[in-house]
């Protein structure tokens, strides 16, 4: 009889402990949820820039998730330690089964520690290229830009990249200079065409398109050079010549542009030059 009472008391003590842990967990979740909702509402009201607003919302969400995980570890730590010895085999099996998840978390740590990119940056990983709109400990979401590596138009497709790629693949950040970037595009010509005239016309058009913000771009590049301790290339528009194959001349046009206007400025320059010029060699036409 007394043995039965003793067993009942032990079960009652265990159930009370479990109930306490569940109550503490519930309180933690409710508090973090309320604070997160208040913070998100405050950011949406006070931050007017869409890009900055999205960046702050993502960062605060990830911070609250981390805080929740730390709180759960603190609450359940003692209870978990009592089962540590008995779950070693299960833990090994769990690590094997969740290998990809662990690699994703490792990739998240690597990209965060290296400062590879931020929300709003345009990146390329393997064949994936686009603007970063979200990131967490498991995956990074981008809005695809393409087609190919030379165009700058959004395709309307969203790509979710597992963070495991950042462990083994290099990341190309096309927005490293932030507000202003040096945009490069190539215009091919045949050797017999008047590519010298085209070179002059492209340079004039590039200077005309960049004139409204060229001083601001120079200042931005100088500040970046001082902050990063780097020799940042000049912000002046340039048109250089490249011979990629026999019988072909490629004009490499490089212009400073606002990060959000790469495609617009490129199309403006191309339209301006080709709508007012004909680069066929007149002597060849007469023959």
C-alpha atoms as a PDB file:
ATOM      1  CA  UNK A   1       0.000   0.000   0.000  1.00  0.00           C
ATOM      2  CA  UNK A   2       2.761   2.412   1.006  1.00  0.00           C
ATOM      3  CA  UNK A   3       4.718   1.455  -2.111  1.00  0.00           C
ATOM      4  CA  UNK A   4       1.693   2.398  -4.213  1.00  0.00           C
ATOM      5  CA  UNK A   5       1.426   5.791  -2.495  1.00  0.00           C
ATOM      6  CA  UNK A   6       5.144   6.405  -3.011  1.00  0.00           C
ATOM      7  CA  UNK A   7       4.839   5.636  -6.734  1.00  0.00           C
ATOM      8  CA  UNK A   8       1.803   7.901  -6.998  1.00  0.00           C
ATOM      9  CA  UNK A   9       3.699  10.763  -5.368  1.00  0.00           C
ATOM     10  CA  UNK A  10       6.623  10.342  -7.784  1.00  0.00           C
ATOM     11  CA  UNK A  11       4.256  10.418 -10.766  1.00  0.00           C
ATOM     12  CA  UNK A  12       2.510  13.482  -9.329  1.00  0.00           C
ATOM     13  CA  UNK A  13       5.859  15.272  -8.875  1.00  0.00           C
ATOM     14  CA  UNK A  14       6.848  14.484 -12.475  1.00  0.00           C
ATOM     15  CA  UNK A  15       3.503  15.688 -13.814  1.00  0.00           C
ATOM     16  CA  UNK A  16       3.777  18.914 -11.785  1.00  0.00           C
ATOM     17  CA  UNK A  17       7.284  19.530 -13.156  1.00  0.00           C
ATOM     18  CA  UNK A  18       6.113  18.912 -16.702  1.00  0.00           C
ATOM     19  CA  UNK A  19       3.123  21.204 -16.198  1.00  0.00           C
ATOM     20  CA  UNK A  20       5.424  23.967 -14.925  1.00  0.00           C
ATOM     21  CA  UNK A  21       7.690  23.612 -17.955  1.00  0.00           C
ATOM     22  CA  UNK A  22       4.711  23.736 -20.318  1.00  0.00           C
ATOM     23  CA  UNK A  23       3.331  26.851 -18.605  1.00  0.00           C
ATOM     24  CA  UNK A  24       6.711  28.604 -18.785  1.00  0.00           C
ATOM     25  CA  UNK A  25       7.037  27.645 -22.440  1.00  0.00           C
ATOM     26  CA  UNK A  26       3.573  28.993 -23.231  1.00  0.00           C
ATOM     27  CA  UNK A  27       4.325  32.282 -21.443  1.00  0.00           C
ATOM     28  CA  UNK A  28       7.609  32.633 -23.378  1.00  0.00           C
ATOM     29  CA  UNK A  29       5.888  32.050 -26.731  1.00  0.00           C
ATOM     30  CA  UNK A  30       3.075  34.513 -25.948  1.00  0.00           C
ATOM     31  CA  UNK A  31       5.459  37.232 -24.728  1.00  0.00           C
ATOM     32  CA  UNK A  32       7.764  36.917 -27.752  1.00  0.00           C
ATOM     33  CA  UNK A  33       4.765  36.841 -30.098  1.00  0.00           C
ATOM     34  CA  UNK A  34       3.305  40.019 -28.595  1.00  0.00           C
ATOM     35  CA  UNK A  35       6.637  41.861 -28.603  1.00  0.00           C
ATOM     36  CA  UNK A  36       7.280  40.782 -32.210  1.00  0.00           C
ATOM     37  CA  UNK A  37       3.848  42.042 -33.295  1.00  0.00           C
ATOM     38  CA  UNK A  38       4.401  45.396 -31.574  1.00  0.00           C
ATOM     39  CA  UNK A  39       7.889  45.732 -33.089  1.00  0.00           C
ATOM     40  CA  UNK A  40       6.653  44.882 -36.592  1.00  0.00           C
ATOM     41  CA  UNK A  41       3.832  47.416 -36.318  1.00  0.00           C
ATOM     42  CA  UNK A  42       6.296  50.080 -35.111  1.00  0.00           C
ATOM     43  CA  UNK A  43       8.675  49.408 -38.042  1.00  0.00           C
ATOM     44  CA  UNK A  44       5.849  49.566 -40.595  1.00  0.00           C
ATOM     45  CA  UNK A  45       4.672  52.911 -39.205  1.00  0.00           C
ATOM     46  CA  UNK A  46       8.026  54.621 -38.657  1.00  0.00           C
ATOM     47  CA  UNK A  47      10.180  53.284 -41.525  1.00  0.00           C
ATOM     48  CA  UNK A  48       8.972  54.663 -44.873  1.00  0.00           C
ATOM     49  CA  UNK A  49      11.564  53.088 -47.193  1.00  0.00           C
ATOM     50  CA  UNK A  50      10.226  49.790 -48.557  1.00  0.00           C
ATOM     51  CA  UNK A  51      13.659  48.181 -48.820  1.00  0.00           C
ATOM     52  CA  UNK A  52      14.774  49.339 -45.351  1.00  0.00           C
ATOM     53  CA  UNK A  53      11.411  48.298 -43.903  1.00  0.00           C
ATOM     54  CA  UNK A  54      11.708  44.780 -45.353  1.00  0.00           C
ATOM     55  CA  UNK A  55      15.276  44.483 -44.093  1.00  0.00           C
ATOM     56  CA  UNK A  56      14.344  45.478 -40.544  1.00  0.00           C
ATOM     57  CA  UNK A  57      11.317  43.144 -40.513  1.00  0.00           C
ATOM     58  CA  UNK A  58      13.444  40.165 -41.577  1.00  0.00           C
ATOM     59  CA  UNK A  59      16.213  40.962 -39.095  1.00  0.00           C
ATOM     60  CA  UNK A  60      13.821  41.414 -36.165  1.00  0.00           C
ATOM     61  CA  UNK A  61      11.976  38.208 -37.054  1.00  0.00           C
ATOM     62  CA  UNK A  62      15.237  36.238 -37.080  1.00  0.00           C
ATOM     63  CA  UNK A  63      16.267  37.857 -33.779  1.00  0.00           C
ATOM     64  CA  UNK A  64      12.998  36.825 -32.102  1.00  0.00           C
ATOM     65  CA  UNK A  65      13.349  33.269 -33.444  1.00  0.00           C
ATOM     66  CA  UNK A  66      16.851  33.101 -31.960  1.00  0.00           C
ATOM     67  CA  UNK A  67      15.556  34.524 -28.664  1.00  0.00           C
ATOM     68  CA  UNK A  68      12.778  31.914 -28.602  1.00  0.00           C
ATOM     69  CA  UNK A  69      15.259  29.098 -29.172  1.00  0.00           C
ATOM     70  CA  UNK A  70      17.521  30.350 -26.372  1.00  0.00           C
ATOM     71  CA  UNK A  71      14.522  30.656 -24.051  1.00  0.00           C
ATOM     72  CA  UNK A  72      13.392  27.107 -24.807  1.00  0.00           C
ATOM     73  CA  UNK A  73      16.906  25.809 -24.162  1.00  0.00           C
ATOM     74  CA  UNK A  74      16.992  27.663 -20.845  1.00  0.00           C
ATOM     75  CA  UNK A  75      13.570  26.323 -19.785  1.00  0.00           C
ATOM     76  CA  UNK A  76      14.005  22.741 -20.908  1.00  0.00           C
ATOM     77  CA  UNK A  77      17.767  22.476 -20.382  1.00  0.00           C
ATOM     78  CA  UNK A  78      17.575  20.719 -17.022  1.00  0.00           C
ATOM     79  CA  UNK A  79      14.928  18.282 -18.196  1.00  0.00           C
ATOM     80  CA  UNK A  80      16.898  17.482 -21.322  1.00  0.00           C
ATOM     81  CA  UNK A  81      20.098  16.878 -19.364  1.00  0.00           C
ATOM     82  CA  UNK A  82      18.404  14.079 -17.428  1.00  0.00           C
ATOM     83  CA  UNK A  83      17.808  12.206 -20.666  1.00  0.00           C
ATOM     84  CA  UNK A  84      21.216  12.954 -22.198  1.00  0.00           C
ATOM     85  CA  UNK A  85      22.829   9.601 -21.497  1.00  0.00           C
ATOM     86  CA  UNK A  86      19.862   7.593 -22.724  1.00  0.00           C
ATOM     87  CA  UNK A  87      19.474   9.412 -26.046  1.00  0.00           C
ATOM     88  CA  UNK A  88      23.066   9.295 -27.330  1.00  0.00           C
ATOM     89  CA  UNK A  89      22.195   6.683 -29.935  1.00  0.00           C
ATOM     90  CA  UNK A  90      19.082   8.632 -30.940  1.00  0.00           C
ATOM     91  CA  UNK A  91      21.155  11.808 -31.202  1.00  0.00           C
ATOM     92  CA  UNK A  92      23.613  10.136 -33.572  1.00  0.00           C
ATOM     93  CA  UNK A  93      20.765   8.898 -35.737  1.00  0.00           C
ATOM     94  CA  UNK A  94      19.217  12.380 -35.633  1.00  0.00           C
ATOM     95  CA  UNK A  95      22.467  13.982 -36.837  1.00  0.00           C
ATOM     96  CA  UNK A  96      22.696  11.536 -39.731  1.00  0.00           C
ATOM     97  CA  UNK A  97      19.032  12.100 -40.657  1.00  0.00           C
ATOM     98  CA  UNK A  98      19.286  15.900 -40.453  1.00  0.00           C
ATOM     99  CA  UNK A  99      22.670  16.260 -42.152  1.00  0.00           C
ATOM    100  CA  UNK A 100      21.304  18.640 -44.811  1.00  0.00           C
ATOM    101  CA  UNK A 101      19.651  20.834 -42.193  1.00  0.00           C
ATOM    102  CA  UNK A 102      22.912  21.045 -40.263  1.00  0.00           C
ATOM    103  CA  UNK A 103      24.777  22.018 -43.429  1.00  0.00           C
ATOM    104  CA  UNK A 104      22.139  24.692 -44.101  1.00  0.00           C
ATOM    105  CA  UNK A 105      22.633  26.149 -40.621  1.00  0.00           C
ATOM    106  CA  UNK A 106      26.409  26.062 -41.166  1.00  0.00           C
ATOM    107  CA  UNK A 107      25.985  27.890 -44.475  1.00  0.00           C
ATOM    108  CA  UNK A 108      23.859  30.512 -42.735  1.00  0.00           C
ATOM    109  CA  UNK A 109      26.605  31.059 -40.162  1.00  0.00           C
ATOM    110  CA  UNK A 110      29.232  31.342 -42.917  1.00  0.00           C
ATOM    111  CA  UNK A 111      27.327  33.920 -45.002  1.00  0.00           C
ATOM    112  CA  UNK A 112      26.399  35.933 -41.912  1.00  0.00           C
ATOM    113  CA  UNK A 113      29.940  35.891 -40.523  1.00  0.00           C
ATOM    114  CA  UNK A 114      31.446  36.835 -43.882  1.00  0.00           C
ATOM    115  CA  UNK A 115      28.835  39.559 -44.522  1.00  0.00           C
ATOM    116  CA  UNK A 116      28.350  38.197 -48.046  1.00  0.00           C
ATOM    117  CA  UNK A 117      25.140  40.136 -48.739  1.00  0.00           C
ATOM    118  CA  UNK A 118      22.127  41.879 -47.214  1.00  0.00           C
ATOM    119  CA  UNK A 119      18.426  42.180 -48.002  1.00  0.00           C
ATOM    120  CA  UNK A 120      18.022  43.975 -51.334  1.00  0.00           C
ATOM    121  CA  UNK A 121      21.436  42.960 -52.763  1.00  0.00           C
ATOM    122  CA  UNK A 122      21.670  41.274 -56.155  1.00  0.00           C
ATOM    123  CA  UNK A 123      23.600  38.015 -55.866  1.00  0.00           C
ATOM    124  CA  UNK A 124      24.550  35.001 -57.964  1.00  0.00           C
ATOM    125  CA  UNK A 125      25.166  31.492 -56.595  1.00  0.00           C
ATOM    126  CA  UNK A 126      25.870  28.837 -59.225  1.00  0.00           C
ATOM    127  CA  UNK A 127      23.091  29.352 -61.807  1.00  0.00           C
ATOM    128  CA  UNK A 128      20.815  31.229 -59.384  1.00  0.00           C
ATOM    129  CA  UNK A 129      20.785  35.026 -59.770  1.00  0.00           C
ATOM    130  CA  UNK A 130      18.432  37.626 -58.335  1.00  0.00           C
ATOM    131  CA  UNK A 131      17.573  40.178 -55.645  1.00  0.00           C
ATOM    132  CA  UNK A 132      17.552  38.947 -52.044  1.00  0.00           C
ATOM    133  CA  UNK A 133      14.125  39.490 -50.425  1.00  0.00           C
ATOM    134  CA  UNK A 134      14.329  37.141 -47.429  1.00  0.00           C
ATOM    135  CA  UNK A 135      16.803  34.998 -45.508  1.00  0.00           C
ATOM    136  CA  UNK A 136      16.707  32.738 -42.457  1.00  0.00           C
ATOM    137  CA  UNK A 137      18.851  30.007 -40.922  1.00  0.00           C
ATOM    138  CA  UNK A 138      17.816  27.410 -43.531  1.00  0.00           C
ATOM    139  CA  UNK A 139      17.255  29.214 -46.845  1.00  0.00           C
ATOM    140  CA  UNK A 140      17.629  32.462 -48.790  1.00  0.00           C
ATOM    141  CA  UNK A 141      14.850  33.718 -51.063  1.00  0.00           C
ATOM    142  CA  UNK A 142      15.567  35.736 -54.194  1.00  0.00           C
ATOM    143  CA  UNK A 143      13.507  37.274 -56.990  1.00  0.00           C
ATOM    144  CA  UNK A 144      15.074  35.890 -60.156  1.00  0.00           C
ATOM    145  CA  UNK A 145      16.800  38.301 -62.557  1.00  0.00           C
ATOM    146  CA  UNK A 146      17.532  37.298 -66.130  1.00  0.00           C
ATOM    147  CA  UNK A 147      17.495  35.584 -68.453  1.00  0.00           C
ATOM    148  CA  UNK A 148      21.227  34.890 -68.353  1.00  0.00           C
ATOM    149  CA  UNK A 149      23.946  36.731 -66.484  1.00  0.00           C
ATOM    150  CA  UNK A 150      23.966  39.944 -68.533  1.00  0.00           C
ATOM    151  CA  UNK A 151      20.343  41.109 -68.329  1.00  0.00           C
ATOM    152  CA  UNK A 152      18.846  42.954 -65.377  1.00  0.00           C
ATOM    153  CA  UNK A 153      15.112  42.367 -65.662  1.00  0.00           C
ATOM    154  CA  UNK A 154      13.093  40.412 -63.121  1.00  0.00           C
ATOM    155  CA  UNK A 155      11.528  37.287 -64.596  1.00  0.00           C
ATOM    156  CA  UNK A 156       8.672  37.198 -62.068  1.00  0.00           C
ATOM    157  CA  UNK A 157       9.898  33.929 -60.560  1.00  0.00           C
ATOM    158  CA  UNK A 158      10.968  33.402 -56.956  1.00  0.00           C
ATOM    159  CA  UNK A 159      13.843  31.086 -56.054  1.00  0.00           C
ATOM    160  CA  UNK A 160      14.485  29.593 -52.606  1.00  0.00           C
ATOM    161  CA  UNK A 161      18.179  28.719 -52.230  1.00  0.00           C
ATOM    162  CA  UNK A 162      19.185  26.299 -49.431  1.00  0.00           C
ATOM    163  CA  UNK A 163      21.943  27.822 -47.332  1.00  0.00           C
ATOM    164  CA  UNK A 164      23.990  24.629 -47.795  1.00  0.00           C
ATOM    165  CA  UNK A 165      25.147  26.080 -51.149  1.00  0.00           C
ATOM    166  CA  UNK A 166      27.031  28.837 -49.330  1.00  0.00           C
ATOM    167  CA  UNK A 167      29.306  26.198 -47.774  1.00  0.00           C
ATOM    168  CA  UNK A 168      30.696  24.948 -51.078  1.00  0.00           C
ATOM    169  CA  UNK A 169      29.875  27.616 -53.693  1.00  0.00           C
ATOM    170  CA  UNK A 170      31.223  31.173 -54.139  1.00  0.00           C
ATOM    171  CA  UNK A 171      28.783  34.086 -53.880  1.00  0.00           C
ATOM    172  CA  UNK A 172      28.875  36.964 -56.379  1.00  0.00           C
ATOM    173  CA  UNK A 173      27.438  40.172 -54.924  1.00  0.00           C
ATOM    174  CA  UNK A 174      26.561  42.605 -57.722  1.00  0.00           C
ATOM    175  CA  UNK A 175      25.452  45.282 -55.237  1.00  0.00           C
ATOM    176  CA  UNK A 176      28.657  45.514 -53.199  1.00  0.00           C
ATOM    177  CA  UNK A 177      28.851  49.265 -53.813  1.00  0.00           C
ATOM    178  CA  UNK A 178      25.229  49.614 -52.586  1.00  0.00           C
ATOM    179  CA  UNK A 179      23.497  52.814 -53.815  1.00  0.00           C
ATOM    180  CA  UNK A 180      25.558  53.177 -57.010  1.00  0.00           C
ATOM    181  CA  UNK A 181      27.114  50.380 -59.040  1.00  0.00           C
ATOM    182  CA  UNK A 182      29.357  50.224 -62.088  1.00  0.00           C
ATOM    183  CA  UNK A 183      27.191  48.608 -64.745  1.00  0.00           C
ATOM    184  CA  UNK A 184      28.896  46.926 -67.720  1.00  0.00           C
ATOM    185  CA  UNK A 185      27.327  45.708 -70.941  1.00  0.00           C
ATOM    186  CA  UNK A 186      28.734  44.590 -74.307  1.00  0.00           C
ATOM    187  CA  UNK A 187      27.750  45.704 -77.821  1.00  0.00           C
ATOM    188  CA  UNK A 188      29.183  43.508 -80.651  1.00  0.00           C
ATOM    189  CA  UNK A 189      30.150  44.843 -84.093  1.00  0.00           C
ATOM    190  CA  UNK A 190      31.662  43.374 -87.227  1.00  0.00           C
ATOM    191  CA  UNK A 191      35.182  44.492 -88.095  1.00  0.00           C
ATOM    192  CA  UNK A 192      34.044  46.171 -91.317  1.00  0.00           C
ATOM    193  CA  UNK A 193      31.391  48.282 -89.552  1.00  0.00           C
ATOM    194  CA  UNK A 194      32.117  51.783 -88.287  1.00  0.00           C
ATOM    195  CA  UNK A 195      32.809  50.738 -84.698  1.00  0.00           C
ATOM    196  CA  UNK A 196      34.985  53.815 -84.076  1.00  0.00           C
ATOM    197  CA  UNK A 197      31.985  56.076 -84.606  1.00  0.00           C
ATOM    198  CA  UNK A 198      29.923  53.749 -82.412  1.00  0.00           C
ATOM    199  CA  UNK A 199      32.535  54.033 -79.658  1.00  0.00           C
ATOM    200  CA  UNK A 200      32.276  57.840 -79.701  1.00  0.00           C
ATOM    201  CA  UNK A 201      28.470  57.778 -79.813  1.00  0.00           C
ATOM    202  CA  UNK A 202      28.143  55.335 -76.928  1.00  0.00           C
ATOM    203  CA  UNK A 203      30.507  57.433 -74.805  1.00  0.00           C
ATOM    204  CA  UNK A 204      28.514  60.616 -75.539  1.00  0.00           C
ATOM    205  CA  UNK A 205      25.212  58.897 -74.740  1.00  0.00           C
ATOM    206  CA  UNK A 206      26.583  57.372 -71.538  1.00  0.00           C
ATOM    207  CA  UNK A 207      27.838  60.754 -70.358  1.00  0.00           C
ATOM    208  CA  UNK A 208      24.456  62.333 -71.156  1.00  0.00           C
ATOM    209  CA  UNK A 209      22.482  59.639 -69.295  1.00  0.00           C
ATOM    210  CA  UNK A 210      24.779  59.757 -66.233  1.00  0.00           C
ATOM    211  CA  UNK A 211      25.115  63.547 -66.028  1.00  0.00           C
ATOM    212  CA  UNK A 212      22.181  64.136 -63.572  1.00  0.00           C
ATOM    213  CA  UNK A 213      23.753  61.971 -60.847  1.00  0.00           C
ATOM    214  CA  UNK A 214      27.434  61.696 -61.827  1.00  0.00           C
ATOM    215  CA  UNK A 215      28.667  63.984 -59.028  1.00  0.00           C
ATOM    216  CA  UNK A 216      26.666  62.020 -56.474  1.00  0.00           C
ATOM    217  CA  UNK A 217      28.110  58.762 -57.860  1.00  0.00           C
ATOM    218  CA  UNK A 218      31.688  60.101 -57.595  1.00  0.00           C
ATOM    219  CA  UNK A 219      31.090  61.134 -53.984  1.00  0.00           C
ATOM    220  CA  UNK A 220      29.597  57.743 -53.146  1.00  0.00           C
ATOM    221  CA  UNK A 221      32.569  55.880 -54.638  1.00  0.00           C
ATOM    222  CA  UNK A 222      35.023  58.073 -52.735  1.00  0.00           C
ATOM    223  CA  UNK A 223      33.224  57.424 -49.449  1.00  0.00           C
ATOM    224  CA  UNK A 224      33.201  53.701 -50.158  1.00  0.00           C
ATOM    225  CA  UNK A 225      36.911  53.801 -50.889  1.00  0.00           C
ATOM    226  CA  UNK A 226      37.602  55.467 -47.530  1.00  0.00           C
ATOM    227  CA  UNK A 227      35.305  53.149 -45.556  1.00  0.00           C
ATOM    228  CA  UNK A 228      36.563  49.899 -47.106  1.00  0.00           C
ATOM    229  CA  UNK A 229      40.175  50.923 -47.663  1.00  0.00           C
ATOM    230  CA  UNK A 230      39.920  49.925 -51.323  1.00  0.00           C
ATOM    231  CA  UNK A 231      40.951  51.484 -54.604  1.00  0.00           C
ATOM    232  CA  UNK A 232      37.479  51.914 -56.100  1.00  0.00           C
ATOM    233  CA  UNK A 233      37.458  52.398 -59.905  1.00  0.00           C
ATOM    234  CA  UNK A 234      36.634  55.831 -61.258  1.00  0.00           C
ATOM    235  CA  UNK A 235      32.963  56.603 -61.732  1.00  0.00           C
ATOM    236  CA  UNK A 236      33.489  58.190 -65.155  1.00  0.00           C
ATOM    237  CA  UNK A 237      31.681  56.476 -68.077  1.00  0.00           C
ATOM    238  CA  UNK A 238      33.996  54.472 -70.313  1.00  0.00           C
ATOM    239  CA  UNK A 239      33.793  52.614 -73.626  1.00  0.00           C
ATOM    240  CA  UNK A 240      36.654  50.189 -74.285  1.00  0.00           C
ATOM    241  CA  UNK A 241      37.381  47.856 -77.179  1.00  0.00           C
ATOM    242  CA  UNK A 242      37.702  44.078 -76.961  1.00  0.00           C
ATOM    243  CA  UNK A 243      38.552  41.644 -79.762  1.00  0.00           C
ATOM    244  CA  UNK A 244      36.850  38.426 -78.689  1.00  0.00           C
ATOM    245  CA  UNK A 245      37.011  36.651 -82.068  1.00  0.00           C
ATOM    246  CA  UNK A 246      38.437  37.165 -85.551  1.00  0.00           C
ATOM    247  CA  UNK A 247      36.339  39.638 -87.517  1.00  0.00           C
ATOM    248  CA  UNK A 248      34.485  40.939 -84.440  1.00  0.00           C
ATOM    249  CA  UNK A 249      34.859  44.051 -82.326  1.00  0.00           C
ATOM    250  CA  UNK A 250      33.102  44.260 -78.962  1.00  0.00           C
ATOM    251  CA  UNK A 251      32.516  47.618 -77.307  1.00  0.00           C
ATOM    252  CA  UNK A 252      32.522  47.303 -73.505  1.00  0.00           C
ATOM    253  CA  UNK A 253      30.376  50.101 -72.072  1.00  0.00           C
ATOM    254  CA  UNK A 254      30.808  50.833 -68.369  1.00  0.00           C
ATOM    255  CA  UNK A 255      28.599  53.424 -66.665  1.00  0.00           C
ATOM    256  CA  UNK A 256      27.855  54.345 -63.044  1.00  0.00           C
ATOM    257  CA  UNK A 257      24.152  53.823 -62.338  1.00  0.00           C
ATOM    258  CA  UNK A 258      21.803  53.703 -59.404  1.00  0.00           C
ATOM    259  CA  UNK A 259      21.461  50.116 -58.223  1.00  0.00           C
ATOM    260  CA  UNK A 260      17.775  50.016 -59.156  1.00  0.00           C
ATOM    261  CA  UNK A 261      18.202  51.528 -62.655  1.00  0.00           C
ATOM    262  CA  UNK A 262      20.697  49.215 -64.356  1.00  0.00           C
ATOM    263  CA  UNK A 263      18.312  47.916 -66.995  1.00  0.00           C
ATOM    264  CA  UNK A 264      16.709  51.339 -67.553  1.00  0.00           C
ATOM    265  CA  UNK A 265      20.010  53.164 -68.183  1.00  0.00           C
ATOM    266  CA  UNK A 266      21.320  50.375 -70.441  1.00  0.00           C
ATOM    267  CA  UNK A 267      18.171  50.430 -72.572  1.00  0.00           C
ATOM    268  CA  UNK A 268      18.198  54.248 -72.683  1.00  0.00           C
ATOM    269  CA  UNK A 269      21.775  54.302 -74.006  1.00  0.00           C
ATOM    270  CA  UNK A 270      21.124  51.586 -76.601  1.00  0.00           C
ATOM    271  CA  UNK A 271      17.936  53.254 -77.825  1.00  0.00           C
ATOM    272  CA  UNK A 272      19.579  56.673 -77.974  1.00  0.00           C
ATOM    273  CA  UNK A 273      22.572  55.476 -80.003  1.00  0.00           C
ATOM    274  CA  UNK A 274      20.860  53.126 -82.446  1.00  0.00           C
ATOM    275  CA  UNK A 275      17.894  55.402 -83.130  1.00  0.00           C
ATOM    276  CA  UNK A 276      20.175  58.228 -84.348  1.00  0.00           C
ATOM    277  CA  UNK A 277      23.012  56.345 -86.041  1.00  0.00           C
ATOM    278  CA  UNK A 278      23.691  53.780 -88.748  1.00  0.00           C
ATOM    279  CA  UNK A 279      27.095  52.146 -88.362  1.00  0.00           C
ATOM    280  CA  UNK A 280      27.255  50.257 -91.676  1.00  0.00           C
ATOM    281  CA  UNK A 281      30.305  51.141 -93.677  1.00  0.00           C
ATOM    282  CA  UNK A 282      29.142  53.357 -96.571  1.00  0.00           C
ATOM    283  CA  UNK A 283      32.041  52.302 -98.820  1.00  0.00           C
ATOM    284  CA  UNK A 284      31.041  48.690 -98.483  1.00  0.00           C
ATOM    285  CA  UNK A 285      27.423  49.554 -99.365  1.00  0.00           C
ATOM    286  CA  UNK A 286      28.530  51.366-102.557  1.00  0.00           C
ATOM    287  CA  UNK A 287      30.533  48.352-103.648  1.00  0.00           C
END
